[in-house]
N, C-alpha and C. Protein backbone atom coordinates (compact mmCIF):
# COMPACT_ATOMS: atom_id res chain seq x y z
N MET A 1 92.46 -55.75 99.35
CA MET A 1 91.82 -54.48 99.99
C MET A 1 92.83 -53.29 99.35
N ALA A 2 94.26 -53.73 98.39
CA ALA A 2 95.61 -52.65 97.82
C ALA A 2 94.53 -52.60 96.41
N VAL A 3 93.40 -53.32 95.86
CA VAL A 3 93.42 -53.30 94.47
C VAL A 3 91.80 -52.05 94.83
N GLU A 4 91.02 -52.22 95.73
CA GLU A 4 90.02 -51.15 96.36
C GLU A 4 90.81 -50.18 96.54
N LEU A 5 91.89 -49.95 97.20
CA LEU A 5 92.36 -48.61 97.52
C LEU A 5 92.90 -48.21 96.49
N GLY A 6 93.53 -49.15 95.64
CA GLY A 6 94.11 -48.39 94.03
C GLY A 6 92.81 -47.43 93.13
N HIS A 7 91.87 -48.39 93.33
CA HIS A 7 90.74 -47.74 92.45
C HIS A 7 90.46 -46.53 92.84
N ALA A 8 90.32 -46.08 94.02
CA ALA A 8 89.89 -45.37 94.78
C ALA A 8 90.48 -44.45 94.94
N VAL A 9 91.88 -44.36 94.68
CA VAL A 9 93.03 -43.36 94.40
C VAL A 9 92.75 -42.84 92.93
N ALA A 10 92.93 -43.85 92.12
CA ALA A 10 92.88 -43.59 90.81
C ALA A 10 91.22 -42.64 90.38
N GLY A 11 90.00 -43.05 91.22
CA GLY A 11 88.71 -42.28 91.10
C GLY A 11 88.97 -40.50 91.19
N PHE A 12 89.72 -40.68 92.36
CA PHE A 12 89.69 -39.40 93.01
C PHE A 12 90.85 -38.98 92.01
N GLY A 13 91.43 -39.16 91.45
CA GLY A 13 92.75 -38.51 90.54
C GLY A 13 91.95 -38.39 89.09
N TYR A 14 91.15 -38.99 88.86
CA TYR A 14 90.24 -38.99 87.77
C TYR A 14 89.13 -37.49 87.81
N LEU A 15 88.43 -37.31 88.83
CA LEU A 15 87.92 -36.50 89.30
C LEU A 15 88.53 -35.00 89.36
N GLU A 16 89.63 -35.01 90.04
CA GLU A 16 90.02 -34.28 90.21
C GLU A 16 90.66 -33.51 88.65
N ASP A 17 91.22 -33.93 87.64
CA ASP A 17 91.54 -33.87 86.03
C ASP A 17 90.15 -33.64 85.33
N MET A 18 89.27 -34.46 85.92
CA MET A 18 87.63 -33.66 84.91
C MET A 18 87.43 -32.57 85.69
N LEU A 19 87.62 -32.18 87.13
CA LEU A 19 87.08 -30.50 87.46
C LEU A 19 87.73 -29.52 87.06
N LYS A 20 89.12 -29.94 86.93
CA LYS A 20 90.37 -29.11 86.07
C LYS A 20 89.65 -28.48 84.87
N ARG A 21 89.73 -29.53 83.99
CA ARG A 21 88.94 -29.08 82.65
C ARG A 21 87.64 -28.48 82.78
N THR A 22 86.84 -28.88 83.61
CA THR A 22 85.33 -28.31 83.58
C THR A 22 85.46 -26.74 83.60
N ILE A 23 86.50 -26.41 84.87
CA ILE A 23 86.38 -25.26 85.33
C ILE A 23 87.37 -24.19 84.34
N PHE A 24 88.27 -24.99 83.53
CA PHE A 24 88.81 -24.51 82.11
C PHE A 24 87.93 -23.85 81.17
N ALA A 25 87.17 -25.02 81.05
CA ALA A 25 86.18 -24.66 79.96
C ALA A 25 84.94 -23.47 80.18
N LEU A 26 84.46 -23.41 81.43
CA LEU A 26 83.67 -22.75 81.65
C LEU A 26 84.10 -21.11 81.63
N GLU A 27 85.45 -21.02 82.24
CA GLU A 27 86.01 -20.02 82.39
C GLU A 27 86.28 -19.53 81.12
N ARG A 28 86.93 -20.38 80.31
CA ARG A 28 86.96 -19.83 79.04
C ARG A 28 85.44 -18.95 78.26
N ASP A 29 84.61 -20.08 78.18
CA ASP A 29 83.48 -19.49 78.04
C ASP A 29 82.99 -17.88 78.14
N SER A 30 83.60 -17.87 79.36
CA SER A 30 82.86 -16.01 79.83
C SER A 30 83.82 -15.51 79.81
N LEU A 31 85.09 -15.63 78.39
CA LEU A 31 85.87 -14.80 78.34
C LEU A 31 85.33 -13.78 77.14
N PRO A 32 85.61 -12.32 77.10
CA PRO A 32 84.56 -11.87 75.76
C PRO A 32 85.79 -12.01 74.64
N GLY A 33 85.35 -11.77 73.35
CA GLY A 33 85.83 -12.13 72.18
C GLY A 33 86.85 -11.63 72.00
N ALA A 34 86.77 -10.23 72.58
CA ALA A 34 88.00 -9.13 72.27
C ALA A 34 88.57 -9.01 73.61
N ILE A 35 89.33 -9.84 73.89
CA ILE A 35 90.12 -9.68 75.58
C ILE A 35 91.64 -9.00 74.74
N ARG A 36 91.70 -7.75 75.91
CA ARG A 36 92.85 -7.25 75.91
C ARG A 36 94.25 -8.24 76.45
N PRO A 37 95.16 -8.22 76.03
CA PRO A 37 96.09 -9.07 75.86
C PRO A 37 96.66 -9.31 77.65
N ARG A 38 96.51 -7.98 77.99
CA ARG A 38 96.84 -8.11 80.00
C ARG A 38 95.54 -8.94 80.48
N ASP A 39 94.33 -9.07 80.06
CA ASP A 39 93.29 -9.87 80.62
C ASP A 39 93.69 -11.23 80.92
N PHE A 40 94.19 -11.31 79.34
CA PHE A 40 94.35 -12.42 79.12
C PHE A 40 95.63 -13.28 79.92
N ARG A 41 96.69 -12.52 80.13
CA ARG A 41 97.28 -12.87 80.98
C ARG A 41 97.09 -13.31 81.91
N ALA A 42 96.35 -12.37 82.63
CA ALA A 42 95.80 -12.56 84.09
C ALA A 42 94.41 -13.89 84.17
N TRP A 43 93.98 -13.95 82.89
CA TRP A 43 93.27 -15.46 83.12
C TRP A 43 94.27 -16.79 83.11
N LEU A 44 95.28 -16.44 82.00
CA LEU A 44 96.47 -17.38 81.99
C LEU A 44 96.73 -18.00 83.22
N GLY A 45 97.01 -16.94 84.08
CA GLY A 45 97.57 -16.90 85.27
C GLY A 45 96.44 -17.65 86.00
N ARG A 46 95.74 -17.36 86.36
CA ARG A 46 94.16 -18.27 87.14
C ARG A 46 94.28 -19.84 86.72
N MET A 47 94.45 -19.52 85.42
CA MET A 47 94.28 -21.04 84.97
C MET A 47 95.21 -21.72 85.26
N ASP A 48 96.40 -21.27 85.29
CA ASP A 48 97.94 -22.07 85.91
C ASP A 48 97.91 -22.40 87.59
N ASP A 49 97.36 -21.62 87.98
CA ASP A 49 96.71 -21.52 89.51
C ASP A 49 95.75 -22.99 89.66
N VAL A 50 94.65 -22.92 89.17
CA VAL A 50 94.20 -24.27 88.93
C VAL A 50 94.78 -25.36 88.52
N ALA A 51 95.17 -25.38 87.59
CA ALA A 51 95.99 -26.68 87.04
C ALA A 51 97.49 -26.90 88.19
N VAL A 52 97.70 -26.47 89.26
CA VAL A 52 98.46 -27.04 90.28
C VAL A 52 97.52 -27.17 91.68
N ASP A 53 96.13 -26.85 91.30
CA ASP A 53 95.65 -26.73 92.91
C ASP A 53 95.24 -28.59 93.44
N THR A 54 94.97 -28.52 94.08
CA THR A 54 94.33 -30.15 94.36
C THR A 54 92.89 -30.13 94.66
N LEU A 55 92.58 -31.79 94.48
CA LEU A 55 90.93 -31.60 94.36
C LEU A 55 90.43 -30.71 95.66
N GLY A 56 91.12 -30.88 97.03
CA GLY A 56 90.34 -30.45 97.93
C GLY A 56 90.18 -28.42 97.97
N ALA A 57 91.10 -28.08 97.46
CA ALA A 57 91.28 -26.72 97.22
C ALA A 57 90.29 -26.02 95.77
N LEU A 58 89.89 -26.67 95.17
CA LEU A 58 89.18 -26.82 93.65
C LEU A 58 87.94 -27.00 94.11
N ILE A 59 87.71 -27.90 95.16
CA ILE A 59 85.83 -27.71 95.57
C ILE A 59 85.65 -26.69 96.19
N GLY A 60 86.57 -26.08 97.73
CA GLY A 60 86.42 -25.15 98.51
C GLY A 60 86.62 -24.05 97.97
């Protein structure tokens, strides 16, 4: 049972990481080519929030 639990936890960890990378990539594609520094800093702040969010917060 411990092995199965470990696999489940690892699977959710992997899913959380892939979800964060996907959000980052999709958000980056939506930025204009000539973004203003203020807007870029705001975007980076949102990405920092995504980086520390849990899987439940990312889904919701």
